[in-house]
Amino acid sequence: MASNEGVRRGTRIPCEISITLTSLDPAHLFSEPCLIILVNPLGCAARFGRPLEVGSAVRLDGLPAGTNVTARVVNCISMGEWEKLWLLGLALDESANVWGIQSPPEDWTL
């Protein structure tokens, strides 16, 4: 039986969506600007001005559809010693096209 581990589900689409990323952890509260640069129905990649712990719960506010969604940090990579930016991998708690993509690829069907 073949394993689906490591198989990406949903074509990734490059974009530039400005949102506000808000912490859901009462011990580490913040609400700061964030730029989403790659999306699919399961999550996104985003540029952010600080590192976040993998597993952190966050809310994405100000999405194109006028909705807010929750997600978990699944990856956090420094974009370089001098950049002061981090690339976050965010997994949506509920898969959906929350990005305002009008004609999503066929593999976005959930």
C-alpha atoms as a PDB file:
ATOM      1  CA  MET A   1       0.000   0.000   0.000  1.00  0.00           C
ATOM      2  CA  ALA A   2       1.415   3.392  -0.977  1.00  0.00           C
ATOM      3  CA  SER A   3       1.743   6.079   1.666  1.00  0.00           C
ATOM      4  CA  ASN A   4       0.446   9.614   1.098  1.00  0.00           C
ATOM      5  CA  GLU A   5       2.962  10.993   3.582  1.00  0.00           C
ATOM      6  CA  GLY A   6       4.859  13.867   2.009  1.00  0.00           C
ATOM      7  CA  VAL A   7       2.366  14.187  -0.855  1.00  0.00           C
ATOM      8  CA  ARG A   8       1.155  17.771  -1.238  1.00  0.00           C
ATOM      9  CA  ARG A   9      -2.602  18.104  -1.560  1.00  0.00           C
ATOM     10  CA  GLY A  10      -3.785  21.147  -3.476  1.00  0.00           C
ATOM     11  CA  THR A  11      -1.815  23.127  -6.018  1.00  0.00           C
ATOM     12  CA  ARG A  12       0.036  26.024  -4.405  1.00  0.00           C
ATOM     13  CA  ILE A  13      -0.725  29.436  -5.903  1.00  0.00           C
ATOM     14  CA  PRO A  14       1.641  32.416  -5.496  1.00  0.00           C
ATOM     15  CA  CYS A  15      -0.053  35.593  -4.276  1.00  0.00           C
ATOM     16  CA  GLU A  16       0.355  38.703  -2.139  1.00  0.00           C
ATOM     17  CA  ILE A  17      -2.382  38.989   0.490  1.00  0.00           C
ATOM     18  CA  SER A  18      -1.875  41.421   3.369  1.00  0.00           C
ATOM     19  CA  ILE A  19      -3.524  40.271   6.589  1.00  0.00           C
ATOM     20  CA  THR A  20      -3.190  40.676  10.334  1.00  0.00           C
ATOM     21  CA  LEU A  21      -1.809  37.642  12.158  1.00  0.00           C
ATOM     22  CA  THR A  22      -3.079  37.370  15.737  1.00  0.00           C
ATOM     23  CA  SER A  23      -1.834  35.044  18.463  1.00  0.00           C
ATOM     24  CA  LEU A  24      -4.382  32.847  20.218  1.00  0.00           C
ATOM     25  CA  ASP A  25      -1.929  32.088  23.045  1.00  0.00           C
ATOM     26  CA  PRO A  26      -2.725  34.292  26.079  1.00  0.00           C
ATOM     27  CA  ALA A  27       0.909  33.995  27.241  1.00  0.00           C
ATOM     28  CA  HIS A  28       2.264  35.441  23.955  1.00  0.00           C
ATOM     29  CA  LEU A  29      -0.276  37.958  22.679  1.00  0.00           C
ATOM     30  CA  PHE A  30       0.365  39.899  19.474  1.00  0.00           C
ATOM     31  CA  SER A  31      -1.547  41.149  16.458  1.00  0.00           C
ATOM     32  CA  GLU A  32       0.750  42.226  13.614  1.00  0.00           C
ATOM     33  CA  PRO A  33       0.819  42.694   9.823  1.00  0.00           C
ATOM     34  CA  CYS A  34       1.707  39.643   7.757  1.00  0.00           C
ATOM     35  CA  LEU A  35       2.069  38.979   4.015  1.00  0.00           C
ATOM     36  CA  ILE A  36       0.755  35.702   2.614  1.00  0.00           C
ATOM     37  CA  ILE A  37       2.808  34.686  -0.428  1.00  0.00           C
ATOM     38  CA  LEU A  38       1.609  31.159  -1.307  1.00  0.00           C
ATOM     39  CA  VAL A  39      -1.775  29.489  -0.754  1.00  0.00           C
ATOM     40  CA  ASN A  40      -3.686  26.244  -1.137  1.00  0.00           C
ATOM     41  CA  PRO A  41      -6.900  25.040   0.531  1.00  0.00           C
ATOM     42  CA  LEU A  42      -4.988  23.496   3.441  1.00  0.00           C
ATOM     43  CA  GLY A  43      -2.862  26.493   4.394  1.00  0.00           C
ATOM     44  CA  CYS A  44      -0.318  29.050   3.301  1.00  0.00           C
ATOM     45  CA  ALA A  45       3.216  30.378   3.438  1.00  0.00           C
ATOM     46  CA  ALA A  46       3.594  33.842   4.913  1.00  0.00           C
ATOM     47  CA  ARG A  47       6.315  36.411   5.623  1.00  0.00           C
ATOM     48  CA  PHE A  48       6.273  37.626   9.206  1.00  0.00           C
ATOM     49  CA  GLY A  49       8.410  39.964  11.302  1.00  0.00           C
ATOM     50  CA  ARG A  50       9.177  37.560  14.147  1.00  0.00           C
ATOM     51  CA  PRO A  51       9.747  33.858  14.695  1.00  0.00           C
ATOM     52  CA  LEU A  52       6.883  31.748  16.041  1.00  0.00           C
ATOM     53  CA  GLU A  53       6.976  28.383  17.774  1.00  0.00           C
ATOM     54  CA  VAL A  54       5.848  25.407  15.719  1.00  0.00           C
ATOM     55  CA  GLY A  55       2.427  24.401  17.037  1.00  0.00           C
ATOM     56  CA  SER A  56       1.383  27.968  17.946  1.00  0.00           C
ATOM     57  CA  ALA A  57      -2.295  28.743  17.369  1.00  0.00           C
ATOM     58  CA  VAL A  58      -2.986  31.896  15.342  1.00  0.00           C
ATOM     59  CA  ARG A  59      -5.886  33.689  13.657  1.00  0.00           C
ATOM     60  CA  LEU A  60      -5.682  35.181  10.158  1.00  0.00           C
ATOM     61  CA  ASP A  61      -7.714  38.407  10.118  1.00  0.00           C
ATOM     62  CA  GLY A  62      -8.728  40.441   7.077  1.00  0.00           C
ATOM     63  CA  LEU A  63      -8.837  37.742   4.415  1.00  0.00           C
ATOM     64  CA  PRO A  64     -10.230  38.674   0.959  1.00  0.00           C
ATOM     65  CA  ALA A  65     -13.564  36.957   1.597  1.00  0.00           C
ATOM     66  CA  GLY A  66     -13.990  39.089   4.717  1.00  0.00           C
ATOM     67  CA  THR A  67     -13.557  36.077   6.981  1.00  0.00           C
ATOM     68  CA  ASN A  68     -11.175  35.220   9.789  1.00  0.00           C
ATOM     69  CA  VAL A  69      -9.776  31.701  10.154  1.00  0.00           C
ATOM     70  CA  THR A  70      -7.604  29.871  12.653  1.00  0.00           C
ATOM     71  CA  ALA A  71      -4.431  27.953  11.888  1.00  0.00           C
ATOM     72  CA  ARG A  72      -1.366  26.350  13.444  1.00  0.00           C
ATOM     73  CA  VAL A  73       2.273  27.143  12.729  1.00  0.00           C
ATOM     74  CA  VAL A  74       3.820  24.064  11.108  1.00  0.00           C
ATOM     75  CA  ASN A  75       7.113  25.629  10.036  1.00  0.00           C
ATOM     76  CA  CYS A  76       9.184  28.732  10.806  1.00  0.00           C
ATOM     77  CA  ILE A  77      12.323  29.506   8.795  1.00  0.00           C
ATOM     78  CA  SER A  78      14.582  32.566   9.081  1.00  0.00           C
ATOM     79  CA  MET A  79      14.878  34.336   5.734  1.00  0.00           C
ATOM     80  CA  GLY A  80      18.446  35.342   6.529  1.00  0.00           C
ATOM     81  CA  GLU A  81      20.548  36.900   9.239  1.00  0.00           C
ATOM     82  CA  TRP A  82      20.007  40.432   7.926  1.00  0.00           C
ATOM     83  CA  GLU A  83      16.415  40.117   6.722  1.00  0.00           C
ATOM     84  CA  LYS A  84      14.536  40.232  10.058  1.00  0.00           C
ATOM     85  CA  LEU A  85      11.784  38.211   8.368  1.00  0.00           C
ATOM     86  CA  TRP A  86      10.595  34.669   8.885  1.00  0.00           C
ATOM     87  CA  LEU A  87       8.786  32.365   6.492  1.00  0.00           C
ATOM     88  CA  LEU A  88       5.874  30.713   8.269  1.00  0.00           C
ATOM     89  CA  GLY A  89       4.057  27.593   7.150  1.00  0.00           C
ATOM     90  CA  LEU A  90       0.473  27.803   8.426  1.00  0.00           C
ATOM     91  CA  ALA A  91      -1.998  24.885   8.362  1.00  0.00           C
ATOM     92  CA  LEU A  92      -5.649  25.929   8.435  1.00  0.00           C
ATOM     93  CA  ASP A  93      -7.747  24.309  11.170  1.00  0.00           C
ATOM     94  CA  GLU A  94     -10.515  23.833   8.572  1.00  0.00           C
ATOM     95  CA  SER A  95      -9.534  23.409   4.916  1.00  0.00           C
ATOM     96  CA  ALA A  96     -11.184  25.892   2.547  1.00  0.00           C
ATOM     97  CA  ASN A  97     -10.592  28.420  -0.209  1.00  0.00           C
ATOM     98  CA  VAL A  98     -10.461  31.417   2.139  1.00  0.00           C
ATOM     99  CA  TRP A  99      -8.056  33.269  -0.172  1.00  0.00           C
ATOM    100  CA  GLY A 100     -10.532  34.688  -2.684  1.00  0.00           C
ATOM    101  CA  ILE A 101      -9.217  32.543  -5.570  1.00  0.00           C
ATOM    102  CA  GLN A 102     -12.036  32.828  -8.134  1.00  0.00           C
ATOM    103  CA  SER A 103     -11.152  29.809 -10.298  1.00  0.00           C
ATOM    104  CA  PRO A 104      -9.206  27.413  -8.082  1.00  0.00           C
ATOM    105  CA  PRO A 105      -7.446  24.371  -9.555  1.00  0.00           C
ATOM    106  CA  GLU A 106      -9.431  21.127  -9.735  1.00  0.00           C
ATOM    107  CA  ASP A 107      -7.372  19.573  -6.943  1.00  0.00           C
ATOM    108  CA  TRP A 108      -8.728  22.207  -4.524  1.00  0.00           C
ATOM    109  CA  THR A 109     -12.017  20.281  -4.341  1.00  0.00           C
ATOM    110  CA  LEU A 110     -12.340  19.281  -0.711  1.00  0.00           C
END
